[in-house]
Amino acid sequence: MSAPIPPPPPVEPRNVQAAAAAPRQPLRFSMRSLLALMTAVAIACAVTTALPRPFALMITGALWIAGSGWLATGVLFARGDRQAFCLGGLIVVASMWTQSGGQMLEGVRVLLRPLGLFELGSSLTPWLQLALVAAAAAGNGWLCVRARRWHQGPPE
């Protein structure tokens, strides 16, 4: 008779909490890079408001699709706070196609229309709508990060 094969040694489970509690690197940037970024954003805003409305719609639509894809990828492949943030942002982006999300956007339009910000046919309107959705997605993403931390409790 042959000798029985011994079982493999036990493998220690990966400590997920230790990986999640790794120290974070602070965001570092120089004043020069901040001013360059702000200048680029200002020039982009000036150019996009001068474009005809169909071009503004195409560009904001492409940004919407790219942002949605980025958030969906984060939901699938990220872990921890990044995954919670992407899930919160994706909920907002997906809800814009429903009645509740559309009502939120329409409510903001009604409030800001007297100021002349949401004029039909203006090339600025799609950019304002995209900015509102991006702000709502970022806010809900932050809220989901806080909710994740609250539900998981302090690290043990």
Protein backbone atom coordinates (compact mmCIF):
# COMPACT_ATOMS: atom_id res chain seq x y z
CA MET A 1 0.00 0.00 0.00
CA SER A 2 1.13 3.49 -0.72
CA ALA A 3 1.35 6.09 1.98
CA PRO A 4 -1.55 8.60 2.09
CA ILE A 5 -0.86 12.03 0.72
CA PRO A 6 -0.85 14.59 3.50
CA PRO A 7 -3.22 17.56 3.12
CA PRO A 8 -1.74 20.90 2.12
CA PRO A 9 -0.91 23.32 4.90
CA PRO A 10 -3.67 25.79 5.79
CA VAL A 11 -3.54 29.16 4.07
CA GLU A 12 -4.04 32.22 6.20
CA PRO A 13 -6.92 34.41 4.97
CA ARG A 14 -5.96 37.75 3.57
CA ASN A 15 -6.47 40.54 6.07
CA VAL A 16 -8.87 42.78 4.17
CA GLN A 17 -9.17 45.31 6.98
CA ALA A 18 -5.40 45.89 7.08
CA ALA A 19 -5.36 46.59 3.35
CA ALA A 20 -8.29 48.99 3.64
CA ALA A 21 -6.69 50.82 6.56
CA ALA A 22 -3.44 51.54 4.73
CA PRO A 23 -2.29 55.13 5.13
CA ARG A 24 -3.53 57.45 2.42
CA GLN A 25 -1.28 59.70 0.46
CA PRO A 26 -2.46 63.31 0.51
CA LEU A 27 -3.28 64.93 -2.79
CA ARG A 28 -0.29 67.08 -3.75
CA PHE A 29 -0.27 69.78 -6.37
CA SER A 30 1.63 72.95 -7.01
CA MET A 31 0.16 76.41 -7.37
CA ARG A 32 1.43 76.46 -10.94
CA SER A 33 -0.43 73.26 -11.87
CA LEU A 34 -3.59 74.55 -10.15
CA LEU A 35 -3.45 77.82 -12.10
CA ALA A 36 -2.79 75.94 -15.35
CA LEU A 37 -5.77 73.67 -14.71
CA MET A 38 -8.05 76.62 -13.90
CA THR A 39 -6.91 78.44 -17.04
CA ALA A 40 -7.59 75.36 -19.17
CA VAL A 41 -11.05 74.97 -17.63
CA ALA A 42 -11.84 78.66 -18.22
CA ILE A 43 -10.74 78.46 -21.86
CA ALA A 44 -12.72 75.24 -22.37
CA CYS A 45 -15.83 76.87 -20.87
CA ALA A 46 -15.47 79.91 -23.14
CA VAL A 47 -14.99 77.76 -26.23
CA THR A 48 -17.87 75.42 -25.44
CA THR A 49 -20.36 78.22 -24.84
CA ALA A 50 -19.40 79.71 -28.21
CA LEU A 51 -20.05 76.41 -29.99
CA PRO A 52 -23.44 75.76 -31.57
CA ARG A 53 -25.88 73.77 -29.42
CA PRO A 54 -25.55 70.46 -31.39
CA PHE A 55 -21.79 70.38 -30.70
CA ALA A 56 -22.36 71.12 -27.02
CA LEU A 57 -24.89 68.27 -26.87
CA MET A 58 -22.45 65.86 -28.55
CA ILE A 59 -19.59 66.78 -26.22
CA THR A 60 -21.66 66.63 -23.02
CA GLY A 61 -23.20 63.34 -24.19
CA ALA A 62 -19.75 61.88 -24.74
CA LEU A 63 -18.66 63.05 -21.29
CA TRP A 64 -21.83 61.51 -19.81
CA ILE A 65 -21.04 58.15 -21.43
CA ALA A 66 -17.38 58.27 -20.38
CA GLY A 67 -18.28 59.20 -16.81
CA SER A 68 -20.91 56.46 -16.60
CA GLY A 69 -18.42 53.91 -17.89
CA TRP A 70 -15.80 55.05 -15.40
CA LEU A 71 -18.27 54.74 -12.51
CA ALA A 72 -19.50 51.32 -13.66
CA THR A 73 -15.91 50.09 -13.93
CA GLY A 74 -15.26 51.38 -10.42
CA VAL A 75 -18.28 49.49 -9.09
CA LEU A 76 -16.97 46.26 -10.61
CA PHE A 77 -13.24 46.49 -9.99
CA ALA A 78 -12.59 48.95 -7.16
CA ARG A 79 -12.66 48.02 -3.49
CA GLY A 80 -13.40 49.91 -0.31
CA ASP A 81 -14.18 53.61 -0.41
CA ARG A 82 -13.61 53.89 -4.15
CA GLN A 83 -16.19 51.21 -4.85
CA ALA A 84 -18.70 52.88 -2.51
CA PHE A 85 -18.12 56.25 -4.19
CA CYS A 86 -18.57 54.78 -7.68
CA LEU A 87 -21.75 53.01 -6.61
CA GLY A 88 -23.21 56.24 -5.22
CA GLY A 89 -22.31 58.16 -8.35
CA LEU A 90 -23.69 55.46 -10.63
CA ILE A 91 -27.01 55.51 -8.75
CA VAL A 92 -27.38 59.22 -9.54
CA VAL A 93 -26.37 58.81 -13.18
CA ALA A 94 -28.76 55.87 -13.65
CA SER A 95 -31.62 57.65 -11.88
CA MET A 96 -31.52 60.55 -14.35
CA TRP A 97 -33.38 58.23 -16.73
CA THR A 98 -36.18 57.68 -14.19
CA GLN A 99 -38.99 59.94 -13.07
CA SER A 100 -37.35 60.88 -9.75
CA GLY A 101 -34.03 61.90 -11.26
CA GLY A 102 -35.74 63.79 -14.06
CA GLN A 103 -37.90 65.63 -11.54
CA MET A 104 -34.82 66.74 -9.61
CA LEU A 105 -33.25 68.16 -12.76
CA GLU A 106 -36.50 69.79 -13.85
CA GLY A 107 -36.89 71.35 -10.38
CA VAL A 108 -33.46 72.94 -10.67
CA ARG A 109 -34.32 74.20 -14.16
CA VAL A 110 -37.54 75.81 -12.91
CA LEU A 111 -35.66 77.50 -10.06
CA LEU A 112 -32.88 78.85 -12.28
CA ARG A 113 -34.87 79.70 -15.41
CA PRO A 114 -35.78 83.23 -14.14
CA LEU A 115 -32.05 83.96 -13.94
CA GLY A 116 -31.71 83.13 -17.63
CA LEU A 117 -29.43 80.16 -17.04
CA PHE A 118 -31.63 77.54 -18.71
CA GLU A 119 -32.67 79.18 -21.95
CA LEU A 120 -33.82 76.69 -24.56
CA GLY A 121 -31.45 76.62 -27.48
CA SER A 122 -28.50 77.95 -25.48
CA SER A 123 -25.26 75.98 -25.72
CA LEU A 124 -24.68 76.66 -22.01
CA THR A 125 -27.73 74.61 -20.95
CA PRO A 126 -26.24 71.11 -21.53
CA TRP A 127 -23.11 72.11 -19.61
CA LEU A 128 -25.15 73.32 -16.65
CA GLN A 129 -27.15 70.10 -16.68
CA LEU A 130 -23.97 68.02 -16.80
CA ALA A 131 -22.49 70.06 -13.95
CA LEU A 132 -25.62 69.52 -11.84
CA VAL A 133 -25.58 65.78 -12.42
CA ALA A 134 -21.83 65.61 -11.72
CA ALA A 135 -22.29 67.53 -8.46
CA ALA A 136 -25.17 65.26 -7.43
CA ALA A 137 -23.12 62.16 -8.33
CA ALA A 138 -20.12 63.40 -6.32
CA GLY A 139 -22.33 64.26 -3.35
CA ASN A 140 -24.08 60.90 -3.38
CA GLY A 141 -20.74 59.13 -3.86
CA TRP A 142 -19.36 60.85 -0.77
CA LEU A 143 -22.54 59.93 1.12
CA CYS A 144 -22.10 56.27 0.13
CA VAL A 145 -18.49 56.32 1.36
CA ARG A 146 -19.69 57.65 4.72
CA ALA A 147 -22.49 55.05 4.82
CA ARG A 148 -20.03 52.24 4.08
CA ARG A 149 -17.77 53.33 6.91
CA TRP A 150 -20.72 53.59 9.29
CA HIS A 151 -22.11 50.16 8.37
CA GLN A 152 -18.75 48.43 8.62
CA GLY A 153 -17.90 50.08 11.90
CA PRO A 154 -14.41 50.82 13.16
CA PRO A 155 -11.56 48.54 12.04
CA GLU A 156 -10.86 45.75 14.47
